[in-house]
Amino acid sequence: MQYDKTFKEEAVKLSDEIGLNAAANQLGIPYYTLSGWRNKRKKYQETAYVGSGNKRLSNDAKDQKICELEKEVLELQRSNDILKEALGFFAVSRKK
């Protein structure tokens, strides 16, 4: 059976409050499943239950992605500056 992210988060919160075994019994899910969700939360925190085909990025992958995005931002800023200069050039030549 598959559970959505919200259910997993709420189940883990419940297990924090009333205990792992009691929460598993109350929710009708296997003890080891709930235990696994708790372990994932402890290890990955906010990215514990990515699901829906999304991948959890490692810190190295995140750093690499940030670097790629920063390069892309710089390139776009340069392109924007060139377009502004060109717009100014054509605006001046059009006035003549």
N, C-alpha and C. Protein backbone atom coordinates (compact mmCIF):
# COMPACT_ATOMS: atom_id res chain seq x y z
N MET A 1 0.84 -1.18 0.00
CA MET A 1 0.00 0.00 0.00
C MET A 1 0.88 1.24 0.00
N GLN A 2 0.45 2.30 -0.71
CA GLN A 2 1.19 3.55 -0.76
C GLN A 2 0.48 4.61 0.06
N TYR A 3 1.27 5.42 0.75
CA TYR A 3 0.74 6.48 1.60
C TYR A 3 1.29 7.81 1.11
N ASP A 4 0.47 8.85 1.17
CA ASP A 4 0.95 10.16 0.73
C ASP A 4 1.80 10.82 1.81
N LYS A 5 2.48 11.88 1.40
CA LYS A 5 3.41 12.58 2.28
C LYS A 5 2.72 13.09 3.55
N THR A 6 1.54 13.67 3.41
CA THR A 6 0.83 14.23 4.55
C THR A 6 0.49 13.15 5.58
N PHE A 7 0.04 12.00 5.09
CA PHE A 7 -0.29 10.91 6.00
C PHE A 7 0.95 10.47 6.76
N LYS A 8 2.07 10.33 6.06
CA LYS A 8 3.31 9.91 6.72
C LYS A 8 3.73 10.90 7.80
N GLU A 9 3.66 12.19 7.45
CA GLU A 9 4.05 13.21 8.43
C GLU A 9 3.16 13.18 9.67
N GLU A 10 1.86 13.06 9.45
CA GLU A 10 0.92 13.02 10.58
C GLU A 10 1.10 11.73 11.40
N ALA A 11 1.36 10.62 10.72
CA ALA A 11 1.56 9.36 11.42
C ALA A 11 2.80 9.43 12.31
N VAL A 12 3.86 10.03 11.79
CA VAL A 12 5.09 10.16 12.57
C VAL A 12 4.88 11.08 13.77
N LYS A 13 4.13 12.17 13.57
CA LYS A 13 3.82 13.07 14.69
C LYS A 13 3.03 12.33 15.77
N LEU A 14 2.05 11.54 15.33
CA LEU A 14 1.25 10.76 16.28
C LEU A 14 2.13 9.78 17.04
N SER A 15 3.06 9.14 16.32
CA SER A 15 3.93 8.18 17.00
C SER A 15 4.84 8.86 18.01
N ASP A 16 5.18 10.12 17.77
CA ASP A 16 5.96 10.88 18.75
C ASP A 16 5.14 11.11 20.02
N GLU A 17 3.85 11.33 19.83
CA GLU A 17 2.98 11.65 20.96
C GLU A 17 2.58 10.42 21.78
N ILE A 18 2.17 9.34 21.10
CA ILE A 18 1.62 8.19 21.82
C ILE A 18 2.50 6.95 21.76
N GLY A 19 3.58 7.02 21.03
CA GLY A 19 4.48 5.88 20.93
C GLY A 19 4.32 5.17 19.59
N LEU A 20 5.38 4.53 19.19
CA LEU A 20 5.44 3.89 17.88
C LEU A 20 4.44 2.74 17.75
N ASN A 21 4.44 1.85 18.70
CA ASN A 21 3.56 0.68 18.64
C ASN A 21 2.08 1.07 18.68
N ALA A 22 1.73 1.99 19.58
CA ALA A 22 0.33 2.43 19.71
C ALA A 22 -0.13 3.14 18.43
N ALA A 23 0.73 3.98 17.86
CA ALA A 23 0.36 4.69 16.64
C ALA A 23 0.17 3.73 15.48
N ALA A 24 1.06 2.77 15.35
CA ALA A 24 0.95 1.78 14.28
C ALA A 24 -0.35 0.99 14.41
N ASN A 25 -0.67 0.58 15.62
CA ASN A 25 -1.92 -0.15 15.84
C ASN A 25 -3.14 0.72 15.56
N GLN A 26 -3.12 1.95 16.03
CA GLN A 26 -4.25 2.85 15.85
C GLN A 26 -4.49 3.16 14.36
N LEU A 27 -3.41 3.31 13.61
CA LEU A 27 -3.53 3.67 12.19
C LEU A 27 -3.69 2.45 11.29
N GLY A 28 -3.43 1.28 11.84
CA GLY A 28 -3.56 0.05 11.05
C GLY A 28 -2.44 -0.13 10.04
N ILE A 29 -1.26 0.34 10.39
CA ILE A 29 -0.11 0.16 9.50
C ILE A 29 0.94 -0.67 10.23
N PRO A 30 1.77 -1.37 9.49
CA PRO A 30 2.80 -2.19 10.14
C PRO A 30 3.78 -1.34 10.95
N TYR A 31 4.20 -1.90 12.07
CA TYR A 31 5.14 -1.25 12.98
C TYR A 31 6.42 -0.85 12.25
N TYR A 32 6.97 -1.77 11.43
CA TYR A 32 8.24 -1.51 10.75
C TYR A 32 8.10 -0.40 9.70
N THR A 33 6.92 -0.24 9.13
CA THR A 33 6.69 0.84 8.16
C THR A 33 6.79 2.19 8.85
N LEU A 34 6.08 2.33 9.95
CA LEU A 34 6.10 3.57 10.71
C LEU A 34 7.51 3.85 11.27
N SER A 35 8.16 2.81 11.70
CA SER A 35 9.52 2.94 12.20
C SER A 35 10.45 3.45 11.10
N GLY A 36 10.28 2.94 9.90
CA GLY A 36 11.07 3.39 8.76
C GLY A 36 10.84 4.86 8.44
N TRP A 37 9.58 5.30 8.53
CA TRP A 37 9.26 6.71 8.29
C TRP A 37 9.93 7.59 9.33
N ARG A 38 9.94 7.13 10.57
CA ARG A 38 10.60 7.91 11.62
C ARG A 38 12.10 8.01 11.37
N ASN A 39 12.70 6.92 10.94
CA ASN A 39 14.13 6.92 10.63
C ASN A 39 14.44 7.87 9.48
N LYS A 40 13.59 7.86 8.46
CA LYS A 40 13.79 8.77 7.33
C LYS A 40 13.68 10.23 7.78
N ARG A 41 12.70 10.52 8.63
CA ARG A 41 12.54 11.89 9.13
C ARG A 41 13.78 12.32 9.89
N LYS A 42 14.30 11.41 10.70
CA LYS A 42 15.49 11.73 11.49
C LYS A 42 16.70 11.99 10.58
N LYS A 43 16.82 11.20 9.53
CA LYS A 43 17.98 11.30 8.65
C LYS A 43 17.87 12.46 7.66
N TYR A 44 16.68 12.66 7.07
CA TYR A 44 16.54 13.62 5.97
C TYR A 44 15.75 14.88 6.32
N GLN A 45 15.15 14.93 7.48
CA GLN A 45 14.35 16.06 7.97
C GLN A 45 13.28 16.47 6.96
N GLU A 46 13.36 17.70 6.37
CA GLU A 46 12.27 18.20 5.53
C GLU A 46 12.13 17.47 4.20
N THR A 47 13.15 16.73 3.77
CA THR A 47 13.05 16.00 2.51
C THR A 47 12.85 14.50 2.75
N ALA A 48 12.32 14.16 3.90
CA ALA A 48 12.18 12.75 4.27
C ALA A 48 11.23 11.99 3.35
N TYR A 49 10.15 12.61 2.96
CA TYR A 49 9.12 11.91 2.19
C TYR A 49 8.92 12.60 0.86
N VAL A 50 9.89 12.52 -0.04
CA VAL A 50 9.79 13.25 -1.31
C VAL A 50 8.69 12.70 -2.20
N GLY A 51 8.70 11.44 -2.51
CA GLY A 51 7.64 10.81 -3.28
C GLY A 51 7.39 11.40 -4.65
N SER A 52 6.40 10.93 -5.34
CA SER A 52 5.95 11.40 -6.65
C SER A 52 7.08 11.50 -7.66
N GLY A 53 8.03 10.62 -7.59
CA GLY A 53 9.11 10.60 -8.56
C GLY A 53 10.17 11.67 -8.34
N ASN A 54 10.05 12.46 -7.30
CA ASN A 54 11.06 13.49 -7.01
C ASN A 54 12.25 12.82 -6.33
N LYS A 55 13.42 13.29 -6.67
CA LYS A 55 14.62 12.73 -6.09
C LYS A 55 15.13 13.60 -4.97
N ARG A 56 15.66 12.96 -3.96
CA ARG A 56 16.28 13.68 -2.85
C ARG A 56 17.71 13.96 -3.28
N LEU A 57 18.11 15.22 -3.27
CA LEU A 57 19.46 15.59 -3.67
C LEU A 57 20.40 15.54 -2.48
N SER A 58 21.60 15.05 -2.71
CA SER A 58 22.60 15.08 -1.66
C SER A 58 23.11 16.52 -1.54
N ASN A 59 23.84 16.79 -0.49
CA ASN A 59 24.37 18.14 -0.31
C ASN A 59 25.28 18.52 -1.47
N ASP A 60 26.08 17.56 -1.97
CA ASP A 60 26.95 17.84 -3.10
C ASP A 60 26.14 18.17 -4.33
N ALA A 61 25.06 17.43 -4.57
CA ALA A 61 24.21 17.69 -5.72
C ALA A 61 23.51 19.03 -5.58
N LYS A 62 23.09 19.36 -4.36
CA LYS A 62 22.46 20.67 -4.13
C LYS A 62 23.44 21.79 -4.41
N ASP A 63 24.67 21.65 -3.92
CA ASP A 63 25.69 22.67 -4.15
C ASP A 63 25.97 22.83 -5.63
N GLN A 64 26.03 21.72 -6.34
CA GLN A 64 26.28 21.75 -7.78
C GLN A 64 25.12 22.45 -8.50
N LYS A 65 23.90 22.14 -8.11
CA LYS A 65 22.73 22.75 -8.72
C LYS A 65 22.71 24.26 -8.45
N ILE A 66 23.03 24.67 -7.24
CA ILE A 66 23.09 26.09 -6.89
C ILE A 66 24.13 26.79 -7.76
N CYS A 67 25.28 26.17 -7.93
CA CYS A 67 26.34 26.75 -8.75
C CYS A 67 25.87 26.91 -10.20
N GLU A 68 25.20 25.90 -10.74
CA GLU A 68 24.68 25.97 -12.11
C GLU A 68 23.65 27.09 -12.24
N LEU A 69 22.78 27.22 -11.26
CA LEU A 69 21.76 28.27 -11.30
C LEU A 69 22.38 29.66 -11.19
N GLU A 70 23.42 29.80 -10.37
CA GLU A 70 24.10 31.09 -10.25
C GLU A 70 24.75 31.48 -11.57
N LYS A 71 25.36 30.50 -12.25
CA LYS A 71 25.95 30.78 -13.57
C LYS A 71 24.88 31.20 -14.56
N GLU A 72 23.74 30.53 -14.53
CA GLU A 72 22.64 30.86 -15.42
C GLU A 72 22.12 32.27 -15.15
N VAL A 73 22.03 32.65 -13.88
CA VAL A 73 21.58 34.00 -13.52
C VAL A 73 22.55 35.04 -14.08
N LEU A 74 23.85 34.80 -13.93
CA LEU A 74 24.84 35.74 -14.46
C LEU A 74 24.72 35.88 -15.97
N GLU A 75 24.56 34.76 -16.65
CA GLU A 75 24.41 34.78 -18.11
C GLU A 75 23.16 35.56 -18.52
N LEU A 76 22.07 35.35 -17.81
CA LEU A 76 20.84 36.07 -18.12
C LEU A 76 20.97 37.56 -17.84
N GLN A 77 21.69 37.92 -16.78
CA GLN A 77 21.92 39.34 -16.48
C GLN A 77 22.75 40.00 -17.58
N ARG A 78 23.78 39.30 -18.06
CA ARG A 78 24.60 39.82 -19.15
C ARG A 78 23.75 40.01 -20.41
N SER A 79 22.94 39.03 -20.72
CA SER A 79 22.07 39.13 -21.89
C SER A 79 21.12 40.30 -21.75
N ASN A 80 20.60 40.48 -20.58
CA ASN A 80 19.68 41.59 -20.31
C ASN A 80 20.38 42.93 -20.50
N ASP A 81 21.63 43.04 -20.03
CA ASP A 81 22.39 44.27 -20.20
C ASP A 81 22.64 44.57 -21.68
N ILE A 82 22.96 43.54 -22.45
CA ILE A 82 23.18 43.71 -23.89
C ILE A 82 21.91 44.20 -24.57
N LEU A 83 20.79 43.61 -24.20
CA LEU A 83 19.51 44.03 -24.79
C LEU A 83 19.18 45.47 -24.43
N LYS A 84 19.47 45.89 -23.20
CA LYS A 84 19.22 47.28 -22.80
C LYS A 84 20.08 48.24 -23.62
N GLU A 85 21.36 47.89 -23.82
CA GLU A 85 22.24 48.73 -24.63
C GLU A 85 21.75 48.82 -26.07
N ALA A 86 21.32 47.68 -26.60
CA ALA A 86 20.82 47.66 -27.97
C ALA A 86 19.55 48.51 -28.09
N LEU A 87 18.69 48.42 -27.11
CA LEU A 87 17.46 49.22 -27.11
C LEU A 87 17.80 50.71 -27.11
N GLY A 88 18.78 51.10 -26.29
CA GLY A 88 19.21 52.49 -26.26
C GLY A 88 19.80 52.94 -27.58
N PHE A 89 20.59 52.08 -28.20
CA PHE A 89 21.20 52.39 -29.49
C PHE A 89 20.14 52.60 -30.56
N PHE A 90 19.17 51.71 -30.63
CA PHE A 90 18.12 51.83 -31.65
C PHE A 90 17.18 53.00 -31.35
N ALA A 91 16.99 53.32 -30.11
CA ALA A 91 16.14 54.45 -29.75
C ALA A 91 16.79 55.75 -30.19
N VAL A 92 18.11 55.89 -30.03
CA VAL A 92 18.85 57.08 -30.45
C VAL A 92 18.84 57.19 -31.97
N SER A 93 19.11 56.10 -32.67
CA SER A 93 19.16 56.14 -34.13
C SER A 93 17.77 56.39 -34.74
N ARG A 94 16.75 56.04 -34.07
CA ARG A 94 15.39 56.23 -34.57
C ARG A 94 14.98 57.70 -34.47
N LYS A 95 15.54 58.40 -33.46
CA LYS A 95 15.23 59.83 -33.30
C LYS A 95 15.81 60.67 -34.42
N LYS A 96 16.89 60.22 -35.05
CA LYS A 96 17.57 60.98 -36.10
C LYS A 96 16.83 61.00 -37.39
